[in-house]
Amino acid sequence: MPFPDHLASLIDETARAKSFSDLARCSPGILAGLTHAQGAQVMEALDTRTIEGVAASKYVLWAQAIATLARHEKTDLPNPALAAILDARWEKKRLRDLAGASPSVLTGMSDYEAKLLEEALGVRTLQDLATNRHILLAQAIARLAEEERLAPTQKAA
């Protein structure tokens, strides 16, 4: 199924005839508002090559978890359960502090990779990474691609 016409402004004109499954396997550079160079920066920063990879990136998912929990934080105590995904200097910080911190506080993300995200997407904090429109669009495309791939199986059952 091709990408719906009424959503066409969300992706490059050259990709509009593709299915969600095909789009999920494309470079993030096809997302409207990103150049292919910015797409390459996102791929390098998140160590992936596809929109589907961006959607499932551990850094994106960690940022979304922290940002979501930070909105509901009722204490000023640190959350030691997050130690495995955080740089050691940030293990004892409150979730609100983490949401406002650079993505480089996540285990495995370098300052260089965080800088790439800032240059490509304007992402300066974990909150920004969690809510970035390109990231959310990548996740929507990946989810719909998954449904598209499951559809023939579900019809047969």
Foldseek 3Di string as FASTA:
>chain_A
DFADPVCVQQFAPVRRRDALLVQQAAQLCRGHPFHVVLSVLLCVLQVHGGLVSLLPRPLLVVLLVLLVVLVVDDDQFFDQVCVVFFDVVCNTGHSVVQQAAQSCRTPPGHPSSSVSCCVSQVDGHSVCSNDGPSNVVSNVSNVVSVVVVCVVVVVVD
